[in-house]
């Protein structure tokens, strides 16, 4: 498993920050960023697969929502047809015409 290495930019950032900020603040930020980077380097593959999984769930959810919307439209269409048939049958039962 290849490791991501970008310690040099962190060192450059620390050098830059040392010019403009307090030493304690610079050290704290540098430690925090380095710790986060090391954690990411250890778990990057897990994060990658989690992202792919969440993307799969998101796209699946959208697909299911579209299917539910289509079924809802089909149900509304069928209900309208049923209402029209009930009206026609009701008229014929009363005697307003012949089928």
C-alpha atoms as a PDB file:
ATOM      1  CA  UNK A   1       0.000   0.000   0.000  1.00  0.00           C
ATOM      2  CA  UNK A   2       1.550   3.280  -1.113  1.00  0.00           C
ATOM      3  CA  UNK A   3       1.727   6.065   1.406  1.00  0.00           C
ATOM      4  CA  UNK A   4       1.010   9.684   0.652  1.00  0.00           C
ATOM      5  CA  UNK A   5       3.852  11.949   1.661  1.00  0.00           C
ATOM      6  CA  UNK A   6       3.509  15.685   1.836  1.00  0.00           C
ATOM      7  CA  UNK A   7       5.572  16.546   4.886  1.00  0.00           C
ATOM      8  CA  UNK A   8       7.596  19.113   2.935  1.00  0.00           C
ATOM      9  CA  UNK A   9       4.598  21.407   2.282  1.00  0.00           C
ATOM     10  CA  UNK A  10       3.775  21.211   5.998  1.00  0.00           C
ATOM     11  CA  UNK A  11       7.314  22.263   6.826  1.00  0.00           C
ATOM     12  CA  UNK A  12       7.036  25.107   4.323  1.00  0.00           C
ATOM     13  CA  UNK A  13       3.737  26.168   5.887  1.00  0.00           C
ATOM     14  CA  UNK A  14       5.290  26.118   9.356  1.00  0.00           C
ATOM     15  CA  UNK A  15       8.179  28.278   8.117  1.00  0.00           C
ATOM     16  CA  UNK A  16       5.752  30.711   6.506  1.00  0.00           C
ATOM     17  CA  UNK A  17       3.545  30.875   9.605  1.00  0.00           C
ATOM     18  CA  UNK A  18       6.568  31.433  11.862  1.00  0.00           C
ATOM     19  CA  UNK A  19       7.174  34.739  10.069  1.00  0.00           C
ATOM     20  CA  UNK A  20       3.710  36.106  10.815  1.00  0.00           C
ATOM     21  CA  UNK A  21       2.336  34.266  13.873  1.00  0.00           C
ATOM     22  CA  UNK A  22       3.302  33.447  17.436  1.00  0.00           C
ATOM     23  CA  UNK A  23       5.596  30.419  17.847  1.00  0.00           C
ATOM     24  CA  UNK A  24       3.194  28.536  20.148  1.00  0.00           C
ATOM     25  CA  UNK A  25       0.311  29.034  17.736  1.00  0.00           C
ATOM     26  CA  UNK A  26       2.475  27.962  14.785  1.00  0.00           C
ATOM     27  CA  UNK A  27       3.654  24.836  16.606  1.00  0.00           C
ATOM     28  CA  UNK A  28       0.110  23.897  17.629  1.00  0.00           C
ATOM     29  CA  UNK A  29      -1.222  24.284  14.084  1.00  0.00           C
ATOM     30  CA  UNK A  30       1.727  22.352  12.679  1.00  0.00           C
ATOM     31  CA  UNK A  31       1.250  19.478  15.175  1.00  0.00           C
ATOM     32  CA  UNK A  32      -2.475  19.322  14.442  1.00  0.00           C
ATOM     33  CA  UNK A  33      -1.975  19.267  10.670  1.00  0.00           C
ATOM     34  CA  UNK A  34       0.787  16.662  10.913  1.00  0.00           C
ATOM     35  CA  UNK A  35      -1.360  14.469  13.189  1.00  0.00           C
ATOM     36  CA  UNK A  36      -4.306  14.745  10.775  1.00  0.00           C
ATOM     37  CA  UNK A  37      -2.040  13.914   7.838  1.00  0.00           C
ATOM     38  CA  UNK A  38      -0.622  10.839   9.591  1.00  0.00           C
ATOM     39  CA  UNK A  39      -4.127   9.633  10.455  1.00  0.00           C
ATOM     40  CA  UNK A  40      -5.223  10.155   6.857  1.00  0.00           C
ATOM     41  CA  UNK A  41      -2.160   8.295   5.546  1.00  0.00           C
ATOM     42  CA  UNK A  42      -3.019   5.316   7.757  1.00  0.00           C
ATOM     43  CA  UNK A  43      -6.687   5.221   6.757  1.00  0.00           C
ATOM     44  CA  UNK A  44      -6.798   6.601   3.212  1.00  0.00           C
ATOM     45  CA  UNK A  45      -7.901   3.322   1.649  1.00  0.00           C
ATOM     46  CA  UNK A  46     -10.763   3.018   4.137  1.00  0.00           C
ATOM     47  CA  UNK A  47     -11.797   6.615   3.425  1.00  0.00           C
ATOM     48  CA  UNK A  48     -11.671   5.920  -0.311  1.00  0.00           C
ATOM     49  CA  UNK A  49     -13.974   2.897  -0.030  1.00  0.00           C
ATOM     50  CA  UNK A  50     -16.301   4.706   2.379  1.00  0.00           C
ATOM     51  CA  UNK A  51     -16.650   7.511  -0.153  1.00  0.00           C
ATOM     52  CA  UNK A  52     -17.405   5.063  -2.960  1.00  0.00           C
ATOM     53  CA  UNK A  53     -19.962   3.284  -0.736  1.00  0.00           C
ATOM     54  CA  UNK A  54     -21.724   6.517   0.244  1.00  0.00           C
ATOM     55  CA  UNK A  55     -21.788   7.579  -3.406  1.00  0.00           C
ATOM     56  CA  UNK A  56     -23.375   4.208  -4.284  1.00  0.00           C
ATOM     57  CA  UNK A  57     -26.016   4.710  -1.572  1.00  0.00           C
ATOM     58  CA  UNK A  58     -26.693   8.254  -2.752  1.00  0.00           C
ATOM     59  CA  UNK A  59     -27.127   7.245  -6.400  1.00  0.00           C
ATOM     60  CA  UNK A  60     -29.244   4.241  -5.396  1.00  0.00           C
ATOM     61  CA  UNK A  61     -31.448   6.516  -3.300  1.00  0.00           C
ATOM     62  CA  UNK A  62     -31.968   8.872  -6.243  1.00  0.00           C
ATOM     63  CA  UNK A  63     -32.847   5.917  -8.483  1.00  0.00           C
ATOM     64  CA  UNK A  64     -35.364   4.621  -5.944  1.00  0.00           C
ATOM     65  CA  UNK A  65     -36.910   8.078  -5.576  1.00  0.00           C
ATOM     66  CA  UNK A  66     -37.377   8.278  -9.353  1.00  0.00           C
ATOM     67  CA  UNK A  67     -39.008   4.827  -9.376  1.00  0.00           C
ATOM     68  CA  UNK A  68     -41.376   5.808  -6.556  1.00  0.00           C
ATOM     69  CA  UNK A  69     -42.300   9.005  -8.423  1.00  0.00           C
ATOM     70  CA  UNK A  70     -43.048   7.002 -11.589  1.00  0.00           C
ATOM     71  CA  UNK A  71     -45.181   4.556  -9.622  1.00  0.00           C
ATOM     72  CA  UNK A  72     -46.999   7.455  -7.976  1.00  0.00           C
ATOM     73  CA  UNK A  73     -47.758   8.927 -11.388  1.00  0.00           C
ATOM     74  CA  UNK A  74     -48.953   5.529 -12.648  1.00  0.00           C
ATOM     75  CA  UNK A  75     -51.253   5.189  -9.623  1.00  0.00           C
ATOM     76  CA  UNK A  76     -52.726   8.644 -10.215  1.00  0.00           C
ATOM     77  CA  UNK A  77     -53.318   7.808 -13.876  1.00  0.00           C
ATOM     78  CA  UNK A  78     -55.006   4.522 -12.958  1.00  0.00           C
ATOM     79  CA  UNK A  79     -57.184   6.266 -10.356  1.00  0.00           C
ATOM     80  CA  UNK A  80     -58.340   8.780 -12.974  1.00  0.00           C
ATOM     81  CA  UNK A  81     -59.185   5.951 -15.386  1.00  0.00           C
ATOM     82  CA  UNK A  82     -61.078   4.122 -12.634  1.00  0.00           C
ATOM     83  CA  UNK A  83     -63.050   7.271 -11.815  1.00  0.00           C
ATOM     84  CA  UNK A  84     -63.953   7.730 -15.481  1.00  0.00           C
ATOM     85  CA  UNK A  85     -65.064   4.082 -15.736  1.00  0.00           C
ATOM     86  CA  UNK A  86     -67.119   4.411 -12.543  1.00  0.00           C
ATOM     87  CA  UNK A  87     -68.836   7.483 -13.971  1.00  0.00           C
ATOM     88  CA  UNK A  88     -69.590   5.664 -17.248  1.00  0.00           C
ATOM     89  CA  UNK A  89     -70.867   2.578 -15.454  1.00  0.00           C
ATOM     90  CA  UNK A  90     -72.901   4.724 -13.082  1.00  0.00           C
ATOM     91  CA  UNK A  91     -74.549   6.560 -15.997  1.00  0.00           C
ATOM     92  CA  UNK A  92     -75.456   3.301 -17.714  1.00  0.00           C
ATOM     93  CA  UNK A  93     -76.880   1.848 -14.540  1.00  0.00           C
ATOM     94  CA  UNK A  94     -79.132   4.865 -14.149  1.00  0.00           C
ATOM     95  CA  UNK A  95     -80.285   4.552 -17.756  1.00  0.00           C
ATOM     96  CA  UNK A  96     -78.666   7.486 -19.575  1.00  0.00           C
ATOM     97  CA  UNK A  97     -77.565   5.422 -22.517  1.00  0.00           C
ATOM     98  CA  UNK A  98     -76.598   2.050 -23.695  1.00  0.00           C
ATOM     99  CA  UNK A  99     -73.142   0.540 -23.673  1.00  0.00           C
END
